N, C-alpha and C. Protein backbone atom coordinates (compact mmCIF):
# COMPACT_ATOMS: atom_id res chain seq x y z
N MET A 1 116.91 129.71 187.43
CA MET A 1 117.59 129.71 188.85
C MET A 1 118.61 130.55 188.94
N SER A 2 118.63 131.77 189.73
CA SER A 2 120.01 132.31 189.82
C SER A 2 121.03 131.61 190.73
N GLU A 3 122.25 132.05 190.45
CA GLU A 3 123.44 131.45 191.21
C GLU A 3 123.16 131.54 192.84
N PRO A 4 122.80 132.53 193.46
CA PRO A 4 122.53 132.55 194.78
C PRO A 4 121.36 131.35 195.20
N GLU A 5 120.29 131.53 194.41
CA GLU A 5 119.35 130.31 194.74
C GLU A 5 119.80 129.12 194.44
N LEU A 6 120.83 128.87 193.69
CA LEU A 6 121.22 127.44 193.74
C LEU A 6 121.62 126.99 195.16
N LEU A 7 122.12 127.73 195.81
CA LEU A 7 122.67 127.13 197.29
C LEU A 7 121.47 127.45 198.21
N GLU A 8 120.11 127.48 197.84
CA GLU A 8 119.10 127.24 198.68
C GLU A 8 118.39 125.96 198.41
N GLY A 9 117.49 125.72 199.34
CA GLY A 9 116.50 124.47 199.23
C GLY A 9 117.33 123.18 199.05
N THR A 10 116.64 122.29 198.56
CA THR A 10 117.13 120.87 198.56
C THR A 10 118.46 120.69 197.68
N ARG A 11 118.31 121.59 196.39
CA ARG A 11 119.62 121.46 195.55
C ARG A 11 120.63 122.13 196.26
N GLY A 12 120.60 123.10 197.03
CA GLY A 12 121.61 123.86 197.72
C GLY A 12 122.15 122.80 198.74
N ARG A 13 121.29 122.22 199.37
CA ARG A 13 121.74 121.09 200.43
C ARG A 13 122.60 119.97 199.87
N ILE A 14 122.12 119.52 198.66
CA ILE A 14 122.76 118.57 197.96
C ILE A 14 124.25 119.05 197.60
N LEU A 15 124.52 120.45 197.02
CA LEU A 15 125.69 120.91 196.77
C LEU A 15 126.57 121.19 197.95
N GLU A 16 126.08 121.38 199.16
CA GLU A 16 126.80 121.33 200.19
C GLU A 16 127.26 120.01 200.87
N GLU A 17 126.40 119.03 200.73
CA GLU A 17 126.84 117.62 200.92
C GLU A 17 128.21 117.27 199.88
N LEU A 18 127.97 117.56 198.74
CA LEU A 18 128.88 117.17 197.60
C LEU A 18 130.10 118.06 197.87
N ALA A 19 130.10 119.26 198.50
CA ALA A 19 131.41 119.84 198.84
C ALA A 19 132.15 119.15 199.92
N VAL A 20 131.59 118.30 200.55
CA VAL A 20 132.39 117.34 201.75
C VAL A 20 132.95 116.34 200.86
N ALA A 21 132.33 115.69 200.10
CA ALA A 21 132.69 114.46 199.53
C ALA A 21 131.80 113.93 198.47
N PRO A 22 132.36 113.32 197.49
CA PRO A 22 131.28 112.69 196.52
C PRO A 22 130.33 111.72 197.01
N ARG A 23 129.08 111.62 196.46
CA ARG A 23 128.12 111.00 197.06
C ARG A 23 127.20 110.23 195.99
N THR A 24 126.55 109.21 196.31
CA THR A 24 125.75 108.48 195.38
C THR A 24 124.31 109.08 195.80
N ALA A 25 123.37 108.92 194.69
CA ALA A 25 121.96 109.31 194.92
C ALA A 25 121.39 108.75 196.25
N ARG A 26 121.72 107.55 196.38
CA ARG A 26 121.15 106.76 197.63
C ARG A 26 121.78 107.61 198.87
N ASP A 27 122.97 107.83 198.85
CA ASP A 27 123.54 108.54 200.13
C ASP A 27 122.90 109.72 200.30
N LEU A 28 122.72 110.64 199.20
CA LEU A 28 122.12 111.93 199.55
C LEU A 28 120.53 111.75 200.00
N ALA A 29 119.97 110.82 199.30
CA ALA A 29 118.56 110.63 199.67
C ALA A 29 118.27 110.19 201.34
N LYS A 30 119.21 109.50 201.70
CA LYS A 30 119.25 109.18 203.20
C LYS A 30 119.66 110.14 204.04
N LYS A 31 120.73 110.81 203.53
CA LYS A 31 121.12 111.97 204.45
C LYS A 31 120.04 113.09 204.43
N LEU A 32 119.39 113.58 203.21
CA LEU A 32 118.55 114.56 203.29
C LEU A 32 116.95 114.19 203.52
N GLY A 33 116.76 113.03 203.78
CA GLY A 33 115.50 112.56 204.09
C GLY A 33 114.39 112.49 202.91
N ILE A 34 114.82 112.40 201.62
CA ILE A 34 113.92 112.33 200.69
C ILE A 34 114.04 111.20 199.73
N GLN A 35 113.21 110.94 198.88
CA GLN A 35 113.21 109.83 197.99
C GLN A 35 114.29 109.75 197.26
N GLU A 36 114.82 108.59 196.75
CA GLU A 36 116.20 108.34 196.05
C GLU A 36 115.85 108.77 194.60
N SER A 37 114.65 108.60 194.28
CA SER A 37 114.29 109.19 192.67
C SER A 37 114.38 110.55 192.62
N ALA A 38 113.88 111.59 193.70
CA ALA A 38 113.90 112.87 193.86
C ALA A 38 115.46 113.26 193.88
N ALA A 39 116.31 112.61 194.61
CA ALA A 39 117.71 112.94 194.65
C ALA A 39 118.37 112.85 193.21
N ARG A 40 117.81 111.67 192.44
CA ARG A 40 118.35 111.88 191.08
C ARG A 40 117.79 112.83 190.19
N GLY A 41 116.54 113.17 190.46
CA GLY A 41 116.24 114.25 189.57
C GLY A 41 116.77 115.61 189.88
N HIS A 42 117.05 115.79 190.95
CA HIS A 42 118.03 116.96 191.34
C HIS A 42 119.33 116.93 190.76
N LEU A 43 120.04 115.84 190.97
CA LEU A 43 121.24 115.46 190.37
C LEU A 43 121.28 115.84 188.79
N GLU A 44 120.12 115.31 188.11
CA GLU A 44 120.16 115.32 186.78
C GLU A 44 120.31 116.89 186.18
N ARG A 45 119.31 117.77 187.13
CA ARG A 45 119.25 119.12 186.86
C ARG A 45 120.60 119.83 187.00
N LEU A 46 121.33 119.35 188.17
CA LEU A 46 122.54 119.98 188.40
C LEU A 46 123.65 119.63 187.31
N GLU A 47 123.56 118.41 187.11
CA GLU A 47 124.60 117.95 185.90
C GLU A 47 124.34 118.88 184.65
N GLU A 48 122.91 119.00 184.37
CA GLU A 48 122.58 119.69 183.02
C GLU A 48 123.27 121.27 183.20
N ARG A 49 123.35 121.72 184.39
CA ARG A 49 123.85 122.94 184.63
C ARG A 49 125.51 122.90 184.51
N GLY A 50 125.88 121.87 184.61
CA GLY A 50 127.41 121.93 184.76
C GLY A 50 127.96 121.95 186.05
N LEU A 51 127.16 121.77 187.08
CA LEU A 51 127.53 121.70 188.47
C LEU A 51 128.02 120.79 189.25
N VAL A 52 127.54 119.41 188.80
CA VAL A 52 128.02 118.04 189.13
C VAL A 52 128.44 117.29 188.20
N VAL A 53 129.12 116.37 188.25
CA VAL A 53 129.75 115.23 187.32
C VAL A 53 129.75 114.11 187.83
N PRO A 54 129.24 112.94 187.31
CA PRO A 54 129.31 111.54 187.88
C PRO A 54 130.50 110.65 187.59
N SER A 55 130.88 109.76 188.36
CA SER A 55 131.89 109.03 188.10
C SER A 55 131.66 107.71 188.78
N PHE A 56 132.20 106.65 188.19
CA PHE A 56 131.94 105.21 188.59
C PHE A 56 133.16 104.76 189.23
N ARG A 57 132.95 103.90 190.25
CA ARG A 57 134.00 103.47 191.34
C ARG A 57 133.59 102.12 191.67
N ARG A 58 134.33 101.15 191.38
CA ARG A 58 133.92 99.68 191.84
C ARG A 58 134.43 99.60 193.49
N GLU A 59 133.52 99.08 194.17
CA GLU A 59 133.81 98.95 195.58
C GLU A 59 133.33 97.35 195.85
N GLY A 60 134.34 96.69 195.83
CA GLY A 60 134.19 94.95 196.07
C GLY A 60 133.41 94.48 194.77
N VAL A 61 132.51 93.48 195.13
CA VAL A 61 131.98 92.61 194.10
C VAL A 61 130.67 93.60 193.50
N GLY A 62 130.16 93.33 192.22
CA GLY A 62 128.98 93.96 191.83
C GLY A 62 129.31 95.07 190.92
N ARG A 63 128.21 95.88 190.50
CA ARG A 63 128.50 96.83 189.54
C ARG A 63 129.12 98.06 190.15
N PRO A 64 129.93 98.96 189.59
CA PRO A 64 130.50 100.00 190.24
C PRO A 64 129.26 101.09 190.49
N ARG A 65 129.66 101.90 191.65
CA ARG A 65 128.84 102.65 192.33
C ARG A 65 128.86 104.02 191.69
N LYS A 66 127.77 104.81 191.02
CA LYS A 66 127.82 105.99 190.53
C LYS A 66 127.70 107.12 191.55
N ARG A 67 128.80 107.90 191.58
CA ARG A 67 129.02 108.95 192.58
C ARG A 67 129.06 110.25 191.90
N PHE A 68 128.54 111.37 192.71
CA PHE A 68 128.59 112.71 191.95
C PHE A 68 129.48 113.60 192.84
N ALA A 69 130.29 114.41 191.90
CA ALA A 69 131.17 115.35 192.57
C ALA A 69 130.89 116.76 192.22
N LEU A 70 131.36 117.73 192.66
CA LEU A 70 131.05 119.04 192.16
C LEU A 70 132.25 119.28 191.26
N THR A 71 131.72 120.30 190.24
CA THR A 71 132.61 120.73 189.39
C THR A 71 133.34 122.12 189.75
N ASN A 72 134.16 122.62 189.04
CA ASN A 72 134.77 123.94 189.35
C ASN A 72 133.87 124.89 189.45
N SER A 73 132.83 125.04 188.52
CA SER A 73 131.93 125.95 188.40
C SER A 73 131.04 125.90 189.77
N ALA A 74 130.48 124.81 190.22
CA ALA A 74 129.98 124.68 191.40
C ALA A 74 130.71 125.09 192.67
N GLN A 75 131.94 124.80 192.57
CA GLN A 75 132.84 125.26 193.80
C GLN A 75 132.83 126.76 193.78
N GLU A 76 132.77 127.43 192.70
CA GLU A 76 132.89 129.06 192.68
C GLU A 76 131.41 129.66 193.26
N LEU A 77 130.33 128.76 193.58
CA LEU A 77 129.21 129.29 193.78
C LEU A 77 129.37 129.69 195.43
N PHE A 78 130.11 128.96 196.10
CA PHE A 78 130.34 129.26 197.71
C PHE A 78 130.89 130.44 197.75
N PRO A 79 130.59 131.02 198.78
CA PRO A 79 131.27 132.41 199.18
C PRO A 79 132.78 132.35 199.49
N LYS A 80 133.43 133.51 198.74
CA LYS A 80 135.01 133.36 198.95
C LYS A 80 135.21 134.75 199.69
N LYS A 81 136.26 134.58 200.40
CA LYS A 81 136.66 135.77 201.17
C LYS A 81 137.94 136.48 200.44
N TYR A 82 138.07 136.61 199.31
CA TYR A 82 139.16 137.11 198.57
C TYR A 82 139.58 138.63 199.08
N ASP A 83 138.41 139.26 199.24
CA ASP A 83 138.57 140.47 199.81
C ASP A 83 139.32 140.78 201.19
N LEU A 84 138.85 139.84 201.86
CA LEU A 84 139.53 140.07 203.36
C LEU A 84 141.16 139.76 203.19
N ILE A 85 141.26 138.93 202.34
CA ILE A 85 142.80 138.55 202.15
C ILE A 85 143.43 139.81 201.63
N LEU A 86 142.84 140.33 200.43
CA LEU A 86 143.48 141.65 199.94
C LEU A 86 143.62 142.69 200.70
N ASP A 87 142.42 143.06 201.46
CA ASP A 87 142.65 144.07 202.63
C ASP A 87 143.65 143.97 203.45
N THR A 88 143.85 142.63 203.98
CA THR A 88 144.99 142.42 204.96
C THR A 88 146.42 142.62 204.36
N VAL A 89 146.63 142.08 203.22
CA VAL A 89 147.76 142.21 202.37
C VAL A 89 148.16 143.82 202.29
N VAL A 90 147.00 144.48 201.70
CA VAL A 90 147.34 145.85 201.40
C VAL A 90 147.70 146.70 202.89
N ASP A 91 147.00 146.43 203.91
CA ASP A 91 147.20 146.99 205.18
C ASP A 91 148.61 146.75 205.58
N GLU A 92 149.15 145.63 205.41
CA GLU A 92 150.23 145.20 205.94
C GLU A 92 151.43 145.91 204.91
N LEU A 93 151.16 145.95 203.55
CA LEU A 93 152.16 146.65 202.76
C LEU A 93 152.23 148.17 203.10
N LEU A 94 151.15 148.75 203.31
CA LEU A 94 151.01 150.28 203.68
C LEU A 94 151.89 150.52 205.04
N ALA A 95 151.61 149.59 205.97
CA ALA A 95 152.48 149.72 207.41
C ALA A 95 153.93 149.55 207.02
N ARG A 96 154.34 148.60 206.33
CA ARG A 96 155.69 148.47 206.03
C ARG A 96 156.37 149.29 205.11
N GLU A 97 155.78 149.58 203.98
CA GLU A 97 156.38 150.46 202.74
C GLU A 97 155.75 151.67 202.68
N GLY A 98 154.64 151.83 202.95
CA GLY A 98 153.98 153.31 202.81
C GLY A 98 153.43 153.61 201.47
N GLU A 99 152.60 154.47 201.37
CA GLU A 99 151.70 154.57 200.26
C GLU A 99 152.16 154.80 199.01
N GLY A 100 153.32 155.60 198.89
CA GLY A 100 153.90 155.71 197.61
C GLY A 100 154.29 154.43 197.05
N TYR A 101 155.08 153.32 197.83
CA TYR A 101 155.33 152.27 197.43
C TYR A 101 154.10 151.27 196.85
N VAL A 102 153.13 151.30 197.72
CA VAL A 102 152.02 150.51 197.31
C VAL A 102 151.28 151.16 196.17
N SER A 103 151.20 152.60 196.08
CA SER A 103 150.48 153.03 194.81
C SER A 103 151.20 152.59 193.45
N ALA A 104 152.47 152.71 193.60
CA ALA A 104 153.33 152.16 192.31
C ALA A 104 153.12 150.78 192.09
N LEU A 105 152.84 150.02 193.10
CA LEU A 105 152.65 148.54 192.94
C LEU A 105 151.36 148.23 192.28
N PHE A 106 150.21 148.92 192.79
CA PHE A 106 148.93 148.89 192.13
C PHE A 106 148.97 149.37 190.70
N ALA A 107 149.68 150.39 190.52
CA ALA A 107 149.84 150.88 189.12
C ALA A 107 150.45 149.84 188.14
N ASP A 108 151.41 149.26 188.56
CA ASP A 108 152.06 148.44 187.73
C ASP A 108 151.03 146.95 187.53
N ALA A 109 150.57 146.63 188.73
CA ALA A 109 149.53 145.70 188.77
C ALA A 109 148.45 145.80 187.73
N ALA A 110 147.92 147.13 187.72
CA ALA A 110 146.79 147.37 186.61
C ALA A 110 147.21 147.25 185.24
N LYS A 111 148.38 147.55 185.06
CA LYS A 111 149.13 147.52 183.73
C LYS A 111 149.45 146.08 183.26
N ARG A 112 149.59 145.20 184.45
CA ARG A 112 149.93 143.99 183.88
C ARG A 112 148.53 143.16 183.56
N MET A 113 147.61 143.56 184.39
CA MET A 113 146.21 143.02 184.33
C MET A 113 145.71 143.45 182.92
N ALA A 114 145.84 144.84 182.51
CA ALA A 114 145.62 145.31 181.26
C ALA A 114 146.06 144.60 180.17
N HIS A 115 147.46 143.93 180.35
CA HIS A 115 148.12 143.43 179.15
C HIS A 115 147.42 142.15 178.85
N GLU A 116 146.93 141.33 179.99
CA GLU A 116 146.31 140.13 179.62
C GLU A 116 144.79 140.32 179.01
N VAL A 117 144.09 141.33 179.60
CA VAL A 117 142.79 141.60 179.12
C VAL A 117 142.73 142.19 177.76
N ALA A 118 143.94 142.88 177.40
CA ALA A 118 143.98 143.56 176.12
C ALA A 118 144.22 142.63 174.83
N LYS A 119 144.45 141.40 175.19
CA LYS A 119 144.57 140.31 174.12
C LYS A 119 143.48 140.24 173.28
N ASP A 120 142.29 140.52 174.02
CA ASP A 120 140.90 140.31 173.32
C ASP A 120 140.60 141.62 172.72
N VAL A 121 141.23 142.86 172.88
CA VAL A 121 140.77 144.16 172.53
C VAL A 121 141.71 144.52 171.25
N PRO A 122 141.01 144.54 170.13
CA PRO A 122 141.83 145.14 168.82
C PRO A 122 142.44 146.64 169.04
N ARG A 123 143.44 146.52 168.37
CA ARG A 123 144.38 147.87 168.44
C ARG A 123 143.88 148.91 167.26
N THR A 124 142.78 148.39 166.57
CA THR A 124 142.58 149.34 165.55
C THR A 124 140.87 149.83 165.87
N GLY A 125 140.43 150.76 165.03
CA GLY A 125 139.24 151.18 165.15
C GLY A 125 139.05 152.70 165.66
N THR A 126 137.90 153.22 165.45
CA THR A 126 137.76 154.62 166.07
C THR A 126 137.76 154.53 167.65
N PRO A 127 137.92 155.75 168.12
CA PRO A 127 137.86 155.60 169.71
C PRO A 127 136.54 154.95 170.26
N ASP A 128 135.51 155.39 169.68
CA ASP A 128 134.23 154.76 170.05
C ASP A 128 134.22 153.17 170.00
N GLU A 129 134.73 152.83 168.94
CA GLU A 129 134.77 151.29 168.82
C GLU A 129 135.68 150.59 169.75
N ARG A 130 136.90 151.29 170.14
CA ARG A 130 137.80 150.83 171.07
C ARG A 130 137.25 150.91 172.35
N ALA A 131 136.44 151.90 172.73
CA ALA A 131 135.87 151.70 174.08
C ALA A 131 134.71 150.61 174.23
N GLU A 132 134.03 150.53 173.12
CA GLU A 132 133.07 149.32 173.27
C GLU A 132 133.65 148.08 173.40
N ASP A 133 134.81 147.76 172.72
CA ASP A 133 135.72 146.75 172.67
C ASP A 133 136.21 146.57 174.19
N VAL A 134 136.65 147.58 174.77
CA VAL A 134 137.22 147.61 176.46
C VAL A 134 135.84 147.26 177.21
N VAL A 135 134.77 147.70 176.98
CA VAL A 135 133.76 147.40 177.81
C VAL A 135 133.24 145.97 177.85
N ARG A 136 133.25 145.51 176.65
CA ARG A 136 133.17 144.05 176.53
C ARG A 136 133.86 143.05 177.32
N SER A 137 135.33 143.65 177.10
CA SER A 137 136.28 142.88 177.91
C SER A 137 136.14 142.90 179.35
N LEU A 138 135.84 144.02 179.89
CA LEU A 138 135.66 144.43 181.37
C LEU A 138 134.34 143.66 181.76
N ASN A 139 133.42 143.58 180.89
CA ASN A 139 132.24 142.79 181.43
C ASN A 139 132.31 141.18 181.44
N ARG A 140 133.31 140.81 180.65
CA ARG A 140 133.68 139.34 180.77
C ARG A 140 134.27 139.07 182.30
N LEU A 141 135.05 140.09 182.86
CA LEU A 141 135.69 140.17 184.08
C LEU A 141 134.62 140.13 185.24
N GLY A 142 133.35 140.51 184.97
CA GLY A 142 132.44 140.66 185.86
C GLY A 142 131.79 142.21 186.21
N PHE A 143 132.41 143.24 185.53
CA PHE A 143 131.98 144.41 185.50
C PHE A 143 130.70 144.63 184.64
N ARG A 144 129.72 145.62 185.06
CA ARG A 144 128.76 145.70 184.15
C ARG A 144 129.02 147.28 183.71
N CYS A 145 129.60 147.18 182.49
CA CYS A 145 129.89 148.41 181.93
C CYS A 145 128.98 148.85 180.61
N SER A 146 129.02 150.10 180.25
CA SER A 146 128.39 150.52 179.09
C SER A 146 129.29 151.75 178.65
N ALA A 147 129.28 152.21 177.25
CA ALA A 147 129.90 153.16 176.77
C ALA A 147 129.04 154.22 175.99
N ASP A 148 129.21 155.63 176.25
CA ASP A 148 128.45 156.36 175.43
C ASP A 148 129.25 157.72 175.34
N ARG A 149 128.60 158.92 174.75
CA ARG A 149 129.20 160.10 174.52
C ARG A 149 128.71 161.02 175.75
N ALA A 150 129.76 161.62 176.37
CA ALA A 150 129.09 162.62 177.39
C ALA A 150 128.73 164.01 176.65
N PRO A 151 128.00 164.75 177.43
CA PRO A 151 127.50 165.98 176.67
C PRO A 151 128.59 167.02 176.29
N ASP A 152 129.99 166.82 176.72
CA ASP A 152 131.14 167.57 176.23
C ASP A 152 131.85 166.99 175.14
N GLY A 153 131.23 165.68 174.70
CA GLY A 153 131.92 165.06 173.60
C GLY A 153 132.95 164.00 173.83
N SER A 154 133.17 163.89 175.07
CA SER A 154 134.08 162.78 175.54
C SER A 154 133.40 161.53 175.70
N ILE A 155 134.22 160.32 175.72
CA ILE A 155 133.87 159.23 175.75
C ILE A 155 133.46 158.97 177.11
N ARG A 156 132.52 158.27 177.65
CA ARG A 156 132.09 158.09 178.80
C ARG A 156 131.95 156.60 179.20
N ILE A 157 132.88 156.11 180.07
CA ILE A 157 132.45 154.53 180.23
C ILE A 157 131.92 154.33 181.70
N THR A 158 130.65 153.88 181.88
CA THR A 158 130.00 153.86 183.03
C THR A 158 129.90 152.37 183.67
N ARG A 159 130.20 152.02 184.73
CA ARG A 159 130.13 150.85 185.55
C ARG A 159 129.25 150.76 186.54
N SER A 160 128.18 149.93 186.54
CA SER A 160 127.09 149.81 187.86
C SER A 160 127.76 148.67 188.69
N ASN A 161 128.61 147.79 188.32
CA ASN A 161 129.33 146.89 189.44
C ASN A 161 130.77 146.99 189.46
N CYS A 162 131.25 146.74 190.55
CA CYS A 162 132.76 146.84 190.73
C CYS A 162 133.18 145.52 191.39
N VAL A 163 134.06 144.74 190.72
CA VAL A 163 134.44 143.39 191.27
C VAL A 163 135.29 143.65 192.68
N PHE A 164 135.81 144.78 192.75
CA PHE A 164 136.85 145.08 193.77
C PHE A 164 135.98 145.89 194.88
N ARG A 165 134.50 145.77 194.91
CA ARG A 165 133.64 146.58 195.64
C ARG A 165 134.18 146.63 197.14
N HIS A 166 134.25 145.50 197.76
CA HIS A 166 134.72 145.63 199.41
C HIS A 166 135.91 146.23 199.49
N SER A 167 136.97 146.05 198.79
CA SER A 167 138.46 146.42 198.77
C SER A 167 138.27 147.97 198.41
N ALA A 168 137.31 148.37 197.50
CA ALA A 168 137.35 149.86 196.99
C ALA A 168 136.77 150.70 198.00
N MET A 169 135.74 149.98 198.88
CA MET A 169 135.30 150.85 200.00
C MET A 169 136.31 151.00 201.03
N THR A 170 137.13 149.83 201.28
CA THR A 170 138.23 149.94 202.32
C THR A 170 139.49 150.76 202.05
N HIS A 171 139.87 150.84 200.68
CA HIS A 171 141.13 151.66 200.15
C HIS A 171 140.63 152.18 198.78
N PRO A 172 139.80 153.41 198.87
CA PRO A 172 139.32 153.79 197.54
C PRO A 172 140.28 154.49 196.79
N PHE A 173 141.36 155.32 197.54
CA PHE A 173 142.44 155.70 196.73
C PHE A 173 143.18 154.89 195.74
N LEU A 174 143.58 153.73 196.47
CA LEU A 174 144.35 152.62 195.61
C LEU A 174 143.57 151.69 194.69
N LEU A 175 142.34 151.60 194.90
CA LEU A 175 141.54 150.72 194.19
C LEU A 175 140.95 151.65 192.97
N CYS A 176 140.50 152.93 193.34
CA CYS A 176 139.75 153.64 192.31
C CYS A 176 140.80 154.70 191.49
N GLU A 177 141.36 155.63 192.21
CA GLU A 177 142.45 156.59 191.57
C GLU A 177 143.59 155.94 191.01
N VAL A 178 144.08 154.78 191.56
CA VAL A 178 145.45 154.20 191.02
C VAL A 178 144.99 152.98 190.33
N PHE A 179 144.46 151.90 190.84
CA PHE A 179 144.28 150.75 190.07
C PHE A 179 143.42 150.85 188.72
N ASP A 180 142.14 151.16 189.09
CA ASP A 180 141.13 151.39 188.25
C ASP A 180 141.41 152.44 187.09
N LYS A 181 142.02 153.48 187.42
CA LYS A 181 142.28 154.49 186.36
C LYS A 181 143.51 153.83 185.48
N ASN A 182 144.53 153.49 186.05
CA ASN A 182 145.49 153.02 185.21
C ASN A 182 145.16 151.88 184.25
N LEU A 183 144.03 150.88 184.97
CA LEU A 183 143.67 149.90 184.15
C LEU A 183 142.87 150.25 182.91
N THR A 184 141.97 151.46 183.05
CA THR A 184 141.46 151.85 181.95
C THR A 184 142.22 152.74 180.97
N GLU A 185 143.06 153.33 181.54
CA GLU A 185 144.17 154.10 180.44
C GLU A 185 144.92 153.05 179.65
N ALA A 186 145.27 152.01 180.46
CA ALA A 186 146.11 150.94 179.78
C ALA A 186 145.25 150.06 178.64
N LEU A 187 144.13 150.00 178.87
CA LEU A 187 143.18 149.24 178.01
C LEU A 187 142.85 150.05 176.85
N LEU A 188 142.88 151.39 177.03
CA LEU A 188 142.42 152.12 175.87
C LEU A 188 143.83 152.55 175.05
N GLY A 189 144.77 152.62 175.72
CA GLY A 189 146.14 152.78 174.94
C GLY A 189 146.35 154.37 174.95
N GLN A 190 145.75 155.03 175.97
CA GLN A 190 146.01 156.61 176.04
C GLN A 190 145.71 157.00 177.41
N ALA A 191 146.36 157.93 177.80
CA ALA A 191 146.27 158.80 179.10
C ALA A 191 145.19 159.83 178.82
N GLY A 192 144.79 160.40 180.00
CA GLY A 192 143.69 161.39 179.90
C GLY A 192 142.42 160.78 180.41
N VAL A 193 142.36 159.80 181.31
CA VAL A 193 141.22 159.15 181.76
C VAL A 193 140.74 159.78 183.13
N ASP A 194 139.57 160.47 183.25
CA ASP A 194 139.26 161.04 184.40
C ASP A 194 138.35 160.30 185.18
N LEU A 195 138.37 160.09 186.38
CA LEU A 195 137.38 159.40 187.08
C LEU A 195 136.59 160.33 187.89
N VAL A 196 135.22 160.54 187.65
CA VAL A 196 134.32 161.71 188.05
C VAL A 196 133.33 160.99 189.18
N ASP A 197 133.23 159.72 189.14
CA ASP A 197 132.40 159.17 190.12
C ASP A 197 132.82 157.63 190.37
N SER A 198 132.75 157.10 191.61
CA SER A 198 133.16 155.70 192.13
C SER A 198 132.54 155.17 193.16
N ILE A 199 132.29 153.96 192.92
CA ILE A 199 131.41 153.20 194.00
C ILE A 199 132.26 153.23 195.43
N GLY A 200 133.76 153.25 195.27
CA GLY A 200 134.53 153.20 196.43
C GLY A 200 134.34 154.53 197.40
N HIS A 201 133.86 155.52 196.50
CA HIS A 201 133.71 156.95 197.15
C HIS A 201 132.54 157.31 197.55
N GLY A 202 131.37 156.00 197.45
CA GLY A 202 129.93 156.21 197.92
C GLY A 202 129.08 156.46 197.09
N GLY A 203 129.48 156.42 195.66
CA GLY A 203 128.77 156.54 194.56
C GLY A 203 127.73 155.41 194.05
N ILE A 204 127.00 155.44 193.18
CA ILE A 204 126.25 154.19 192.98
C ILE A 204 126.87 153.62 191.74
N ARG A 205 127.82 154.10 191.03
CA ARG A 205 128.60 153.76 189.97
C ARG A 205 129.84 154.43 189.85
N CYS A 206 130.68 153.87 188.90
CA CYS A 206 131.95 154.42 188.45
C CYS A 206 131.93 154.76 187.05
N THR A 207 132.29 156.02 186.91
CA THR A 207 132.30 156.79 185.67
C THR A 207 133.48 157.10 185.25
N HIS A 208 134.24 156.95 184.16
CA HIS A 208 135.36 157.47 183.46
C HIS A 208 135.01 158.24 182.43
N LEU A 209 135.68 159.29 182.27
CA LEU A 209 135.47 160.14 181.09
C LEU A 209 136.87 160.14 180.28
N ILE A 210 136.89 159.95 179.05
CA ILE A 210 138.08 159.84 178.26
C ILE A 210 138.16 161.09 177.28
N GLN A 211 138.99 162.01 177.56
CA GLN A 211 139.19 162.93 176.82
C GLN A 211 139.86 162.75 175.54
N LEU A 212 139.41 163.27 174.51
CA LEU A 212 140.05 162.71 173.01
C LEU A 212 140.62 163.97 172.67
N SER A 213 142.06 163.74 172.19
CA SER A 213 142.70 164.93 171.53
C SER A 213 142.39 165.26 170.29
């Protein structure tokens, strides 16, 4: 079951209930109108996937009650509006400081991000090996990347997914020409990265060509 599908059906309703507050299997069964045994079965499957965690709490006399709560992984399944916040901040910065200031800010942010990502990227190896290391690091961030050789002999890094897709569509220059290009150059440890296609400019993928000296 994919992540979007987890928010559908009975298990999706269970996750939504647990997003409000921890619940027992009996609480969930009553709320959703299902058998308690069915609720326990769903909770077991969700626990196996690392989406819920049980805890015991004593309430008065008797045995502690077993309640289930969402894990951080489950919280991440719910829609987030980071792009809305980013777009609003960028628009405000552009209005106050102008494009030159914001471009420099995005370039510096890209280099800072590359510094963190590059901790997992070896500084040795052939250009092709380094490109593959960069691809693996970017994929861990959510990009879907691959690297190969273009017909002119340059290294080509292709991304079929952009983790900044919404903001890139809204501010393609800042996200594509500035941030993305600086990020790729900083990760590879060399300048001379040409962006020849981008999702932000209406393409179906982002393609960078690395010209080798």
